[in-house]
Protein backbone atom coordinates (compact mmCIF):
# COMPACT_ATOMS: atom_id res chain seq x y z
CA UNK A 1 0.00 0.00 0.00
CA UNK A 2 2.81 2.42 0.83
CA UNK A 3 4.34 1.96 -2.62
CA UNK A 4 1.08 2.91 -4.33
CA UNK A 5 0.18 6.63 -4.27
CA UNK A 6 -3.40 6.99 -3.05
CA UNK A 7 -4.22 10.66 -2.65
CA UNK A 8 -7.85 11.51 -1.98
CA UNK A 9 -9.79 10.82 -5.18
CA UNK A 10 -6.98 8.63 -6.53
CA UNK A 11 -7.50 5.45 -4.53
CA UNK A 12 -8.29 3.07 -7.42
CA UNK A 13 -4.83 1.49 -7.61
CA UNK A 14 -4.54 0.76 -3.89
CA UNK A 15 -8.12 -0.56 -3.82
CA UNK A 16 -7.16 -2.87 -6.69
CA UNK A 17 -4.12 -4.09 -4.76
CA UNK A 18 -6.23 -4.91 -1.70
CA UNK A 19 -8.93 -6.46 -3.88
CA UNK A 20 -6.39 -8.81 -5.45
CA UNK A 21 -5.43 -10.09 -2.00
CA UNK A 22 -9.07 -10.57 -0.98
CA UNK A 23 -9.67 -12.54 -4.16
CA UNK A 24 -6.65 -14.71 -3.42
CA UNK A 25 -8.11 -15.41 0.04
CA UNK A 26 -11.51 -16.31 -1.42
CA UNK A 27 -13.31 -13.26 -0.07
CA UNK A 28 -15.75 -11.62 -2.50
CA UNK A 29 -15.93 -7.84 -2.49
CA UNK A 30 -17.37 -5.01 -4.52
CA UNK A 31 -16.03 -1.60 -5.47
CA UNK A 32 -18.81 0.97 -5.24
CA UNK A 33 -17.81 4.49 -6.30
CA UNK A 34 -14.27 3.49 -5.35
CA UNK A 35 -15.16 2.22 -1.87
CA UNK A 36 -14.29 -1.43 -1.19
CA UNK A 37 -17.06 -3.38 0.58
CA UNK A 38 -17.35 -6.99 1.70
CA UNK A 39 -19.74 -9.02 3.87
CA UNK A 40 -18.91 -12.05 6.00
CA UNK A 41 -19.63 -15.45 4.46
CA UNK A 42 -22.56 -16.20 6.78
CA UNK A 43 -24.24 -12.83 6.35
CA UNK A 44 -27.88 -12.93 7.45
CA UNK A 45 -30.08 -9.89 6.69
CA UNK A 46 -32.13 -10.65 9.81
CA UNK A 47 -29.14 -9.93 12.04
CA UNK A 48 -27.72 -6.50 12.93
CA UNK A 49 -24.43 -5.48 11.33
CA UNK A 50 -21.12 -4.27 12.76
CA UNK A 51 -19.09 -2.36 10.15
CA UNK A 52 -15.28 -2.24 10.21
CA UNK A 53 -14.37 1.08 8.61
CA UNK A 54 -10.98 2.50 7.60
CA UNK A 55 -9.94 4.84 4.79
CA UNK A 56 -7.76 4.20 1.76
CA UNK A 57 -6.67 7.74 0.92
CA UNK A 58 -3.73 9.80 2.15
CA UNK A 59 -2.89 13.47 2.36
CA UNK A 60 -0.31 14.84 -0.12
CA UNK A 61 3.40 14.50 0.63
CA UNK A 62 4.44 17.31 2.98
CA UNK A 63 7.80 19.07 3.20
CA UNK A 64 10.52 17.65 5.40
CA UNK A 65 10.68 14.02 4.26
CA UNK A 66 14.21 12.64 4.59
CA UNK A 67 13.31 9.38 2.83
CA UNK A 68 11.18 8.32 -0.12
CA UNK A 69 7.55 8.63 1.08
CA UNK A 70 6.60 5.68 -1.15
CA UNK A 71 9.31 3.33 0.09
CA UNK A 72 8.43 1.32 3.20
CA UNK A 73 12.11 0.65 3.93
CA UNK A 74 13.98 -2.51 4.96
CA UNK A 75 13.61 -2.30 8.73
CA UNK A 76 11.91 -5.53 9.90
CA UNK A 77 10.34 -3.70 12.86
CA UNK A 78 9.12 -0.47 11.25
CA UNK A 79 7.07 0.33 8.15
CA UNK A 80 7.79 3.81 6.80
CA UNK A 81 5.98 5.87 4.23
CA UNK A 82 3.01 8.07 3.45
CA UNK A 83 -0.17 6.50 4.78
CA UNK A 84 1.57 3.81 6.81
CA UNK A 85 0.23 5.18 10.09
CA UNK A 86 -2.80 7.03 8.72
CA UNK A 87 -4.53 4.86 7.78
CA UNK A 88 -2.66 1.79 6.53
CA UNK A 89 -2.24 0.21 9.94
CA UNK A 90 -5.98 0.24 10.57
CA UNK A 91 -6.76 -0.96 7.04
CA UNK A 92 -4.61 -4.08 7.23
CA UNK A 93 -5.50 -4.82 10.87
CA UNK A 94 -9.25 -4.60 10.20
CA UNK A 95 -8.85 -6.78 7.10
CA UNK A 96 -7.05 -9.39 9.22
CA UNK A 97 -9.81 -9.28 11.85
CA UNK A 98 -12.47 -9.54 9.16
CA UNK A 99 -10.70 -12.61 7.72
CA UNK A 100 -10.55 -14.15 11.19
CA UNK A 101 -14.33 -14.03 11.54
CA UNK A 102 -15.21 -14.40 7.86
CA UNK A 103 -16.46 -18.03 8.00
CA UNK A 104 -17.76 -17.92 11.55
CA UNK A 105 -21.42 -18.10 12.56
CA UNK A 106 -22.08 -15.10 14.81
CA UNK A 107 -25.06 -13.25 16.29
CA UNK A 108 -24.07 -10.17 14.27
CA UNK A 109 -22.96 -9.63 10.69
CA UNK A 110 -19.58 -8.12 9.83
CA UNK A 111 -19.09 -5.71 6.94
CA UNK A 112 -15.69 -4.47 5.80
CA UNK A 113 -15.83 -0.85 4.60
CA UNK A 114 -12.63 0.58 3.11
CA UNK A 115 -13.65 4.08 2.13
CA UNK A 116 -12.18 6.78 -0.05
CA UNK A 117 -11.84 10.56 0.28
CA UNK A 118 -11.75 10.65 4.09
CA UNK A 119 -9.01 13.27 4.21
CA UNK A 120 -11.04 15.76 2.14
CA UNK A 121 -14.60 14.84 3.19
CA UNK A 122 -15.23 13.97 -0.46
CA UNK A 123 -18.68 13.31 -1.94
CA UNK A 124 -18.10 9.63 -2.80
CA UNK A 125 -16.72 8.25 0.47
CA UNK A 126 -18.36 7.70 3.84
CA UNK A 127 -20.28 10.92 3.34
CA UNK A 128 -22.21 9.17 0.54
CA UNK A 129 -22.26 5.65 1.96
CA UNK A 130 -24.06 6.70 5.15
CA UNK A 131 -26.18 9.52 3.71
CA UNK A 132 -30.01 9.31 3.88
CA UNK A 133 -29.99 8.81 0.10
CA UNK A 134 -26.66 6.94 0.03
CA UNK A 135 -25.71 3.33 -0.60
CA UNK A 136 -26.73 1.74 2.69
CA UNK A 137 -30.11 3.44 2.73
CA UNK A 138 -31.04 2.72 -0.90
CA UNK A 139 -29.29 -0.48 -2.00
CA UNK A 140 -30.82 -3.55 -0.38
CA UNK A 141 -27.70 -5.64 -1.00
CA UNK A 142 -25.83 -3.72 1.69
CA UNK A 143 -27.14 -3.45 5.25
CA UNK A 144 -27.42 -0.24 7.25
CA UNK A 145 -24.85 -0.81 10.03
CA UNK A 146 -26.06 -0.62 13.60
CA UNK A 147 -22.52 -0.19 14.91
CA UNK A 148 -19.18 0.88 13.43
CA UNK A 149 -15.57 0.52 14.51
CA UNK A 150 -13.75 3.46 12.92
CA UNK A 151 -10.12 2.50 12.35
CA UNK A 152 -7.78 5.43 12.99
CA UNK A 153 -4.39 5.63 14.76
CA UNK A 154 -5.27 5.89 18.45
CA UNK A 155 -2.68 3.59 19.98
CA UNK A 156 -5.56 1.06 20.23
CA UNK A 157 -7.18 3.22 22.87
CA UNK A 158 -10.91 3.70 22.30
CA UNK A 159 -12.08 7.19 21.41
CA UNK A 160 -15.63 7.43 22.69
CA UNK A 161 -16.16 10.98 21.46
CA UNK A 162 -14.71 13.16 18.74
CA UNK A 163 -14.84 16.85 18.05
CA UNK A 164 -16.49 18.09 14.89
CA UNK A 165 -15.05 20.53 12.38
CA UNK A 166 -16.47 23.88 11.31
CA UNK A 167 -14.45 26.08 8.96
CA UNK A 168 -15.68 29.65 8.45
CA UNK A 169 -14.57 32.03 5.71
CA UNK A 170 -14.80 35.60 6.95
CA UNK A 171 -14.89 38.61 4.66
CA UNK A 172 -14.73 42.25 5.78
CA UNK A 173 -15.66 44.94 3.28
CA UNK A 174 -14.45 48.52 3.37
CA UNK A 175 -13.76 51.34 0.92
CA UNK A 176 -10.46 51.68 -0.93
CA UNK A 177 -8.51 54.92 -0.90
CA UNK A 178 -5.04 56.42 -1.06
CA UNK A 179 -3.06 55.68 2.09
CA UNK A 180 -1.22 59.00 1.92
CA UNK A 181 -4.47 60.98 2.10
CA UNK A 182 -6.12 58.85 4.77
CA UNK A 183 -9.01 58.02 2.49
CA UNK A 184 -11.30 55.02 2.57
CA UNK A 185 -12.47 52.52 5.15
CA UNK A 186 -9.83 49.92 5.98
CA UNK A 187 -11.30 46.43 5.67
CA UNK A 188 -8.21 45.01 7.39
CA UNK A 189 -9.01 46.97 10.55
CA UNK A 190 -12.61 45.72 10.46
CA UNK A 191 -11.35 42.15 10.19
CA UNK A 192 -8.86 42.66 13.02
CA UNK A 193 -11.61 43.96 15.31
CA UNK A 194 -13.73 40.94 14.43
CA UNK A 195 -10.84 38.56 14.99
CA UNK A 196 -10.26 40.14 18.39
CA UNK A 197 -13.93 39.59 19.25
CA UNK A 198 -13.75 35.98 18.11
CA UNK A 199 -10.64 35.32 20.20
CA UNK A 200 -12.28 36.80 23.29
CA UNK A 201 -15.56 34.95 22.88
CA UNK A 202 -16.45 32.27 25.42
CA UNK A 203 -18.87 29.49 24.50
CA UNK A 204 -20.93 28.98 27.65
CA UNK A 205 -21.95 25.36 27.13
CA UNK A 206 -19.20 23.08 28.45
CA UNK A 207 -18.98 19.45 27.39
CA UNK A 208 -18.22 16.91 30.14
CA UNK A 209 -16.80 14.67 27.41
CA UNK A 210 -14.76 17.09 25.31
CA UNK A 211 -14.37 20.31 27.26
CA UNK A 212 -14.94 23.67 25.55
CA UNK A 213 -15.38 24.53 21.87
CA UNK A 214 -11.98 25.42 20.36
CA UNK A 215 -11.58 28.33 17.94
CA UNK A 216 -8.51 29.48 16.02
CA UNK A 217 -8.08 32.07 13.27
CA UNK A 218 -5.62 30.44 10.91
CA UNK A 219 -5.39 32.60 7.76
CA UNK A 220 -5.77 36.26 6.77
CA UNK A 221 -5.34 38.08 3.46
CA UNK A 222 -5.77 41.74 2.49
CA UNK A 223 -4.39 44.41 0.19
CA UNK A 224 -2.44 44.43 -3.05
CA UNK A 225 -0.27 47.55 -2.74
CA UNK A 226 1.45 49.37 0.12
CA UNK A 227 -0.23 52.70 -0.66
CA UNK A 228 -3.83 51.54 -1.11
CA UNK A 229 -6.29 51.17 1.75
CA UNK A 230 -7.69 47.62 1.33
CA UNK A 231 -11.41 47.46 0.62
CA UNK A 232 -11.60 43.73 1.33
CA UNK A 233 -10.02 41.42 3.88
CA UNK A 234 -10.54 37.69 4.08
CA UNK A 235 -9.76 35.39 7.00
CA UNK A 236 -10.37 31.78 7.97
CA UNK A 237 -11.63 30.47 11.30
CA UNK A 238 -11.04 26.83 12.35
CA UNK A 239 -13.55 25.65 14.97
CA UNK A 240 -13.65 22.29 16.75
CA UNK A 241 -17.19 21.91 18.15
CA UNK A 242 -18.39 19.64 20.93
CA UNK A 243 -21.63 17.71 21.16
CA UNK A 244 -23.15 20.66 23.07
CA UNK A 245 -23.53 22.71 19.88
CA UNK A 246 -24.92 22.31 16.40
CA UNK A 247 -22.66 23.86 13.77
CA UNK A 248 -25.42 26.23 12.61
CA UNK A 249 -25.80 27.43 16.19
CA UNK A 250 -22.09 28.26 16.40
CA UNK A 251 -22.19 30.11 13.08
CA UNK A 252 -25.11 32.27 14.22
CA UNK A 253 -23.52 33.00 17.59
CA UNK A 254 -20.26 34.15 16.01
CA UNK A 255 -21.89 36.13 13.21
CA UNK A 256 -23.65 38.24 15.85
CA UNK A 257 -20.19 39.36 17.06
CA UNK A 258 -18.79 40.38 13.67
CA UNK A 259 -19.21 43.11 11.06
CA UNK A 260 -17.52 40.75 8.62
CA UNK A 261 -19.66 38.19 6.82
CA UNK A 262 -19.01 34.62 7.98
CA UNK A 263 -19.76 31.70 5.66
CA UNK A 264 -19.47 28.03 6.61
CA UNK A 265 -17.72 25.74 4.16
CA UNK A 266 -19.66 22.77 5.52
CA UNK A 267 -22.19 22.46 8.33
CA UNK A 268 -22.30 18.65 8.24
CA UNK A 269 -19.03 17.83 10.04
CA UNK A 270 -20.60 17.34 13.44
CA UNK A 271 -19.10 16.12 16.70
CA UNK A 272 -19.69 12.49 17.65
CA UNK A 273 -20.03 10.36 20.77
CA UNK A 274 -20.56 6.66 21.46
CA UNK A 275 -24.09 6.06 22.71
CA UNK A 276 -24.62 5.63 26.45
CA UNK A 277 -25.07 1.94 27.26
CA UNK A 278 -23.54 0.91 23.93
CA UNK A 279 -22.18 -2.65 23.63
CA UNK A 280 -19.12 -0.97 22.10
CA UNK A 281 -18.49 0.81 25.40
CA UNK A 282 -19.19 -2.40 27.31
CA UNK A 283 -16.63 -4.31 25.24
CA UNK A 284 -13.96 -1.65 25.82
CA UNK A 285 -14.65 -1.62 29.56
CA UNK A 286 -14.61 -5.42 29.83
CA UNK A 287 -11.21 -5.58 28.11
CA UNK A 288 -9.76 -2.72 30.13
CA UNK A 289 -9.21 -0.60 27.01
CA UNK A 290 -8.52 3.03 27.98
CA UNK A 291 -11.03 5.53 26.59
CA UNK A 292 -10.57 9.18 25.66
CA UNK A 293 -12.08 12.07 23.72
CA UNK A 294 -10.38 12.58 20.36
CA UNK A 295 -9.43 16.11 19.23
CA UNK A 296 -9.14 15.04 15.58
CA UNK A 297 -11.87 14.36 13.04
CA UNK A 298 -12.42 11.22 11.01
CA UNK A 299 -15.10 9.38 9.04
CA UNK A 300 -16.99 9.17 12.32
CA UNK A 301 -18.45 12.64 11.82
CA UNK A 302 -20.31 11.31 8.76
CA UNK A 303 -21.54 8.11 10.44
CA UNK A 304 -24.99 8.48 12.04
CA UNK A 305 -25.04 5.14 13.89
CA UNK A 306 -23.38 4.08 17.15
CA UNK A 307 -19.59 4.00 16.75
CA UNK A 308 -16.22 3.98 18.45
CA UNK A 309 -12.79 4.97 17.05
CA UNK A 310 -9.79 2.73 17.62
CA UNK A 311 -6.75 1.61 15.67
CA UNK A 312 -2.99 0.93 15.72
CA UNK A 313 -0.43 3.69 15.37
CA UNK A 314 -0.34 7.14 16.93
CA UNK A 315 -2.24 10.21 15.80
CA UNK A 316 0.81 12.44 16.37
CA UNK A 317 2.59 10.79 13.42
CA UNK A 318 -0.19 11.53 10.94
CA UNK A 319 0.30 14.18 8.25
CA UNK A 320 3.97 14.53 9.15
CA UNK A 321 7.23 13.86 7.33
CA UNK A 322 8.78 10.39 7.63
CA UNK A 323 5.48 8.84 8.73
CA UNK A 324 5.82 5.34 10.13
CA UNK A 325 4.12 2.55 12.05
CA UNK A 326 5.73 -0.29 13.97
CA UNK A 327 5.08 -3.88 12.91
CA UNK A 328 4.38 -4.78 16.53
CA UNK A 329 1.65 -2.12 16.65
CA UNK A 330 -0.11 -3.78 13.72
CA UNK A 331 0.21 -7.24 15.26
CA UNK A 332 -1.17 -5.99 18.56
CA UNK A 333 -3.90 -4.13 16.70
CA UNK A 334 -5.06 -7.33 15.01
CA UNK A 335 -5.18 -9.17 18.33
CA UNK A 336 -7.03 -6.32 20.04
CA UNK A 337 -9.59 -6.02 17.24
CA UNK A 338 -10.29 -9.77 17.39
CA UNK A 339 -10.67 -9.73 21.16
CA UNK A 340 -12.85 -6.62 20.97
CA UNK A 341 -15.20 -8.10 18.34
CA UNK A 342 -15.52 -11.34 20.31
CA UNK A 343 -16.36 -9.44 23.49
CA UNK A 344 -18.70 -7.14 21.55
CA UNK A 345 -20.85 -9.84 19.98
CA UNK A 346 -20.89 -11.66 23.30
CA UNK A 347 -22.38 -8.52 24.86
CA UNK A 348 -25.09 -8.33 22.20
CA UNK A 349 -26.43 -11.69 23.43
CA UNK A 350 -26.79 -10.50 27.04
């Protein structure tokens, strides 16, 4: 997988590589809009379904690599390369767990979901699969999952909640003029006042799971000449919501503070939390798996059913130069997934 470039929207080759292995192992699968899907051999539509989800795509190569990002290296203990940690470790570990249970009669179905476009929230990945008019809701061949394990590098700890993502594009409008004559209305100053108000704002609803909503202004752009008062200034606000707020609610609250116009790029990237009393939580507790609230987003924000996020590798390595994952982490991830699924379906019988 590391040797095959698989940027978001360009996952066909790596999906083909994985598909060839599944075929060799006698596991049928289907590629649907570039997503690879497979059901366990003893699938029964009368039973509920647990989906094993991980993503095939990677971010682009960043600056700072000291080795070939598409060469996994010769170290027997470490796999290097773009996508090795995010999300290759989860992909191969979930495939191994799926193979382990593939022929087994169980009280729940298993469905392998290797999705595309996770890194860019693309229209053909999990966003489409789980949509009200998407594959699972409209194609009777594929069940609507009741539960999902989202494979992401968490050190095999279980994330039981995850912040959402709300990106706002702000635009302040002024009046251009000659700087030497003090003419015009400076849009940059309007934007700076608004940014100051955003930085000072306190969201009153505190989440016992995730803490407070986090807000950062990350980009600003204005002006095209040193002697012209800028009539327009644009800035970007990165917000990480909690389950206490809907994204539309945050947008309206912040717009009331600003003269600039704020526009959301996407209101659908909500925060997520495992349901209270979930058998996923029970399985984690029974196995002594540490739980935490994840600050990073994943496919989970597009999954409406009960879910938990867990996988081999460490989040701190993702999207960084010289990405890697240890072989032992993958081996332990496979064992932990198998034990978790066994404990999970045992809990569904109680």
